[in-house]
Amino acid sequence: MKARSTVQMDTDRVVVTQWRFAPGAETGHHVHAHDYVVVPLITGTVRVEDSAGEREVEMHAGVSYARSAGVAHNLVNVNGYEFRFVEVELR
């Protein structure tokens, strides 16, 4: 099952997308073309699948993190409830 993405803003400088993951939903493997910031809206755990393997990462509501362009991964909601975050891509 795929996570749902809703683009909230798309300008020449940023793309702001809200991601909603039903239990078990995933992004699908992808590579980030831009630096980005993630702002979790709910505290929960995601499974990160990347070239290093699989690991579970707890994300806390309102505690942002940033990554550089080139990150390649798949994210899976392992919670028994919908998980959401906002992603801000910097162009």
N, C-alpha and C. Protein backbone atom coordinates (compact mmCIF):
# COMPACT_ATOMS: atom_id res chain seq x y z
N MET A 1 0.85 -1.17 0.00
CA MET A 1 0.00 0.00 0.00
C MET A 1 0.90 1.24 0.00
N LYS A 2 0.57 2.21 -0.82
CA LYS A 2 1.36 3.43 -0.95
C LYS A 2 0.89 4.51 0.03
N ALA A 3 1.85 5.26 0.55
CA ALA A 3 1.54 6.44 1.35
C ALA A 3 0.95 7.49 0.40
N ARG A 4 0.12 8.38 0.95
CA ARG A 4 -0.50 9.44 0.14
C ARG A 4 0.26 10.74 0.34
N SER A 5 0.55 11.40 -0.75
CA SER A 5 1.24 12.68 -0.67
C SER A 5 0.35 13.78 -1.24
N THR A 6 0.35 14.93 -0.57
CA THR A 6 -0.40 16.09 -1.03
C THR A 6 0.54 17.28 -1.06
N VAL A 7 0.79 17.80 -2.25
CA VAL A 7 1.65 18.98 -2.38
C VAL A 7 0.86 20.19 -1.91
N GLN A 8 1.40 20.87 -0.90
CA GLN A 8 0.75 22.05 -0.34
C GLN A 8 1.26 23.34 -0.96
N MET A 9 2.51 23.31 -1.43
CA MET A 9 3.12 24.49 -2.03
C MET A 9 4.22 24.03 -2.98
N ASP A 10 4.31 24.67 -4.14
CA ASP A 10 5.35 24.34 -5.11
C ASP A 10 5.79 25.64 -5.77
N THR A 11 6.96 26.14 -5.35
CA THR A 11 7.49 27.39 -5.90
C THR A 11 8.85 27.11 -6.51
N ASP A 12 9.48 28.17 -7.01
CA ASP A 12 10.82 28.00 -7.56
C ASP A 12 11.87 27.76 -6.47
N ARG A 13 11.50 27.90 -5.18
CA ARG A 13 12.44 27.73 -4.09
C ARG A 13 12.17 26.53 -3.20
N VAL A 14 10.88 26.14 -3.04
CA VAL A 14 10.53 25.02 -2.15
C VAL A 14 9.36 24.22 -2.70
N VAL A 15 9.32 22.96 -2.27
CA VAL A 15 8.13 22.12 -2.46
C VAL A 15 7.77 21.61 -1.07
N VAL A 16 6.53 21.88 -0.64
CA VAL A 16 6.05 21.44 0.67
C VAL A 16 4.99 20.37 0.44
N THR A 17 5.23 19.20 0.99
CA THR A 17 4.35 18.04 0.78
C THR A 17 3.96 17.43 2.11
N GLN A 18 2.67 17.17 2.30
CA GLN A 18 2.23 16.41 3.47
C GLN A 18 2.14 14.94 3.07
N TRP A 19 2.74 14.08 3.87
CA TRP A 19 2.70 12.63 3.66
C TRP A 19 1.81 12.01 4.72
N ARG A 20 0.90 11.12 4.28
CA ARG A 20 0.00 10.39 5.18
C ARG A 20 0.19 8.89 4.92
N PHE A 21 0.50 8.17 5.98
CA PHE A 21 0.76 6.74 5.89
C PHE A 21 -0.28 5.97 6.70
N ALA A 22 -1.12 5.21 6.05
CA ALA A 22 -1.98 4.26 6.77
C ALA A 22 -1.06 3.20 7.39
N PRO A 23 -1.52 2.44 8.37
CA PRO A 23 -0.68 1.37 8.91
C PRO A 23 -0.18 0.46 7.78
N GLY A 24 1.13 0.25 7.73
CA GLY A 24 1.73 -0.60 6.71
C GLY A 24 2.03 0.09 5.40
N ALA A 25 1.59 1.33 5.21
CA ALA A 25 1.83 2.05 3.94
C ALA A 25 3.30 2.46 3.85
N GLU A 26 3.76 2.62 2.62
CA GLU A 26 5.16 2.97 2.38
C GLU A 26 5.28 3.97 1.23
N THR A 27 6.43 4.63 1.19
CA THR A 27 6.68 5.59 0.11
C THR A 27 7.05 4.89 -1.19
N GLY A 28 7.64 3.73 -1.09
CA GLY A 28 8.28 3.10 -2.24
C GLY A 28 9.71 3.64 -2.31
N HIS A 29 10.61 2.84 -2.84
CA HIS A 29 12.01 3.26 -2.91
C HIS A 29 12.13 4.51 -3.78
N HIS A 30 12.87 5.51 -3.30
CA HIS A 30 13.04 6.76 -4.04
C HIS A 30 14.36 7.42 -3.64
N VAL A 31 14.80 8.34 -4.49
CA VAL A 31 16.02 9.11 -4.24
C VAL A 31 15.64 10.58 -4.17
N HIS A 32 16.09 11.27 -3.13
CA HIS A 32 15.79 12.69 -2.98
C HIS A 32 16.72 13.52 -3.87
N ALA A 33 16.13 14.30 -4.75
CA ALA A 33 16.88 15.14 -5.67
C ALA A 33 17.31 16.47 -5.05
N HIS A 34 16.72 16.80 -3.89
CA HIS A 34 17.00 18.09 -3.24
C HIS A 34 17.27 17.87 -1.75
N ASP A 35 17.97 18.83 -1.14
CA ASP A 35 18.04 18.86 0.32
C ASP A 35 16.61 18.99 0.84
N TYR A 36 16.35 18.44 2.04
CA TYR A 36 14.99 18.51 2.55
C TYR A 36 14.95 18.50 4.06
N VAL A 37 13.82 18.98 4.59
CA VAL A 37 13.53 19.01 6.02
C VAL A 37 12.22 18.26 6.24
N VAL A 38 12.17 17.42 7.27
CA VAL A 38 10.95 16.69 7.62
C VAL A 38 10.47 17.19 8.98
N VAL A 39 9.16 17.48 9.06
CA VAL A 39 8.53 17.91 10.31
C VAL A 39 7.44 16.90 10.65
N PRO A 40 7.69 15.97 11.57
CA PRO A 40 6.66 15.01 11.96
C PRO A 40 5.47 15.72 12.62
N LEU A 41 4.28 15.30 12.24
CA LEU A 41 3.06 15.86 12.82
C LEU A 41 2.54 15.01 13.97
N ILE A 42 3.00 13.76 14.02
CA ILE A 42 2.58 12.78 15.02
C ILE A 42 3.83 12.03 15.46
N THR A 43 3.90 11.65 16.71
CA THR A 43 4.99 10.80 17.16
C THR A 43 4.70 9.36 16.74
N GLY A 44 5.71 8.71 16.18
CA GLY A 44 5.55 7.33 15.74
C GLY A 44 6.85 6.77 15.21
N THR A 45 6.77 5.54 14.73
CA THR A 45 7.95 4.82 14.27
C THR A 45 7.79 4.45 12.80
N VAL A 46 8.88 4.65 12.04
CA VAL A 46 8.91 4.21 10.65
C VAL A 46 10.06 3.23 10.47
N ARG A 47 9.89 2.32 9.54
CA ARG A 47 10.99 1.43 9.16
C ARG A 47 11.68 2.07 7.96
N VAL A 48 12.97 2.27 8.08
CA VAL A 48 13.78 2.82 6.99
C VAL A 48 14.46 1.66 6.30
N GLU A 49 14.28 1.57 4.99
CA GLU A 49 14.93 0.53 4.19
C GLU A 49 15.86 1.25 3.21
N ASP A 50 17.17 0.99 3.35
CA ASP A 50 18.14 1.62 2.47
C ASP A 50 19.30 0.67 2.22
N SER A 51 20.36 1.18 1.62
CA SER A 51 21.49 0.31 1.27
C SER A 51 22.18 -0.29 2.49
N ALA A 52 21.99 0.31 3.66
CA ALA A 52 22.59 -0.21 4.90
C ALA A 52 21.73 -1.31 5.52
N GLY A 53 20.52 -1.53 4.99
CA GLY A 53 19.61 -2.54 5.55
C GLY A 53 18.31 -1.91 6.00
N GLU A 54 17.75 -2.48 7.07
CA GLU A 54 16.48 -1.99 7.62
C GLU A 54 16.68 -1.63 9.08
N ARG A 55 16.03 -0.54 9.50
CA ARG A 55 16.06 -0.16 10.91
C ARG A 55 14.80 0.62 11.22
N GLU A 56 14.38 0.58 12.47
CA GLU A 56 13.22 1.35 12.89
C GLU A 56 13.68 2.64 13.55
N VAL A 57 13.01 3.74 13.19
CA VAL A 57 13.37 5.06 13.68
C VAL A 57 12.13 5.71 14.27
N GLU A 58 12.25 6.18 15.52
CA GLU A 58 11.14 6.89 16.14
C GLU A 58 11.24 8.36 15.77
N MET A 59 10.12 8.92 15.35
CA MET A 59 10.03 10.33 15.00
C MET A 59 9.06 10.98 15.99
N HIS A 60 9.40 12.18 16.46
CA HIS A 60 8.61 12.86 17.48
C HIS A 60 7.92 14.08 16.90
N ALA A 61 6.65 14.23 17.21
CA ALA A 61 5.86 15.36 16.71
C ALA A 61 6.58 16.67 16.98
N GLY A 62 6.75 17.46 15.92
CA GLY A 62 7.36 18.78 16.05
C GLY A 62 8.87 18.80 16.10
N VAL A 63 9.53 17.63 16.10
CA VAL A 63 10.99 17.58 16.14
C VAL A 63 11.49 17.33 14.71
N SER A 64 11.96 18.40 14.09
CA SER A 64 12.36 18.35 12.68
C SER A 64 13.75 17.75 12.51
N TYR A 65 14.02 17.28 11.30
CA TYR A 65 15.37 16.86 10.93
C TYR A 65 15.59 17.18 9.47
N ALA A 66 16.85 17.28 9.06
CA ALA A 66 17.20 17.64 7.68
C ALA A 66 18.16 16.60 7.10
N ARG A 67 18.07 16.42 5.79
CA ARG A 67 18.96 15.51 5.06
C ARG A 67 19.39 16.19 3.76
N SER A 68 20.51 15.75 3.25
CA SER A 68 21.03 16.28 1.99
C SER A 68 20.47 15.52 0.80
N ALA A 69 20.51 16.15 -0.35
CA ALA A 69 20.10 15.50 -1.60
C ALA A 69 20.89 14.21 -1.78
N GLY A 70 20.26 13.25 -2.43
CA GLY A 70 20.92 11.98 -2.72
C GLY A 70 20.50 10.83 -1.82
N VAL A 71 19.77 11.12 -0.74
CA VAL A 71 19.30 10.06 0.15
C VAL A 71 18.39 9.13 -0.65
N ALA A 72 18.65 7.83 -0.57
CA ALA A 72 17.85 6.82 -1.27
C ALA A 72 17.29 5.86 -0.23
N HIS A 73 15.96 5.74 -0.18
CA HIS A 73 15.35 4.87 0.83
C HIS A 73 13.88 4.61 0.53
N ASN A 74 13.30 3.75 1.36
CA ASN A 74 11.86 3.51 1.41
C ASN A 74 11.49 3.68 2.88
N LEU A 75 10.34 4.32 3.15
CA LEU A 75 9.84 4.46 4.51
C LEU A 75 8.54 3.71 4.64
N VAL A 76 8.38 2.97 5.75
CA VAL A 76 7.18 2.16 6.00
C VAL A 76 6.63 2.52 7.37
N ASN A 77 5.33 2.76 7.47
CA ASN A 77 4.68 3.02 8.75
C ASN A 77 4.48 1.70 9.47
N VAL A 78 5.15 1.53 10.62
CA VAL A 78 5.00 0.28 11.39
C VAL A 78 4.04 0.46 12.56
N ASN A 79 3.42 1.63 12.68
CA ASN A 79 2.46 1.90 13.75
C ASN A 79 1.10 1.28 13.40
N GLY A 80 0.27 1.13 14.40
CA GLY A 80 -1.09 0.65 14.20
C GLY A 80 -2.07 1.78 13.91
N TYR A 81 -1.54 2.95 13.59
CA TYR A 81 -2.35 4.14 13.32
C TYR A 81 -1.72 4.94 12.18
N GLU A 82 -2.47 5.88 11.63
CA GLU A 82 -1.95 6.72 10.55
C GLU A 82 -0.80 7.57 11.08
N PHE A 83 0.25 7.64 10.29
CA PHE A 83 1.41 8.47 10.62
C PHE A 83 1.52 9.57 9.57
N ARG A 84 1.87 10.81 10.00
CA ARG A 84 1.94 11.94 9.07
C ARG A 84 3.16 12.80 9.32
N PHE A 85 3.71 13.35 8.24
CA PHE A 85 4.73 14.37 8.37
C PHE A 85 4.67 15.31 7.18
N VAL A 86 5.29 16.47 7.35
CA VAL A 86 5.43 17.44 6.27
C VAL A 86 6.88 17.44 5.84
N GLU A 87 7.09 17.39 4.52
CA GLU A 87 8.44 17.41 3.95
C GLU A 87 8.59 18.72 3.17
N VAL A 88 9.70 19.43 3.44
CA VAL A 88 10.00 20.68 2.75
C VAL A 88 11.28 20.45 1.95
N GLU A 89 11.15 20.41 0.62
CA GLU A 89 12.30 20.25 -0.25
C GLU A 89 12.82 21.62 -0.66
N LEU A 90 14.13 21.82 -0.58
CA LEU A 90 14.76 23.09 -0.92
C LEU A 90 15.35 23.01 -2.31
N ARG A 91 14.93 23.90 -3.18
CA ARG A 91 15.46 23.87 -4.55
C ARG A 91 16.64 24.78 -4.69
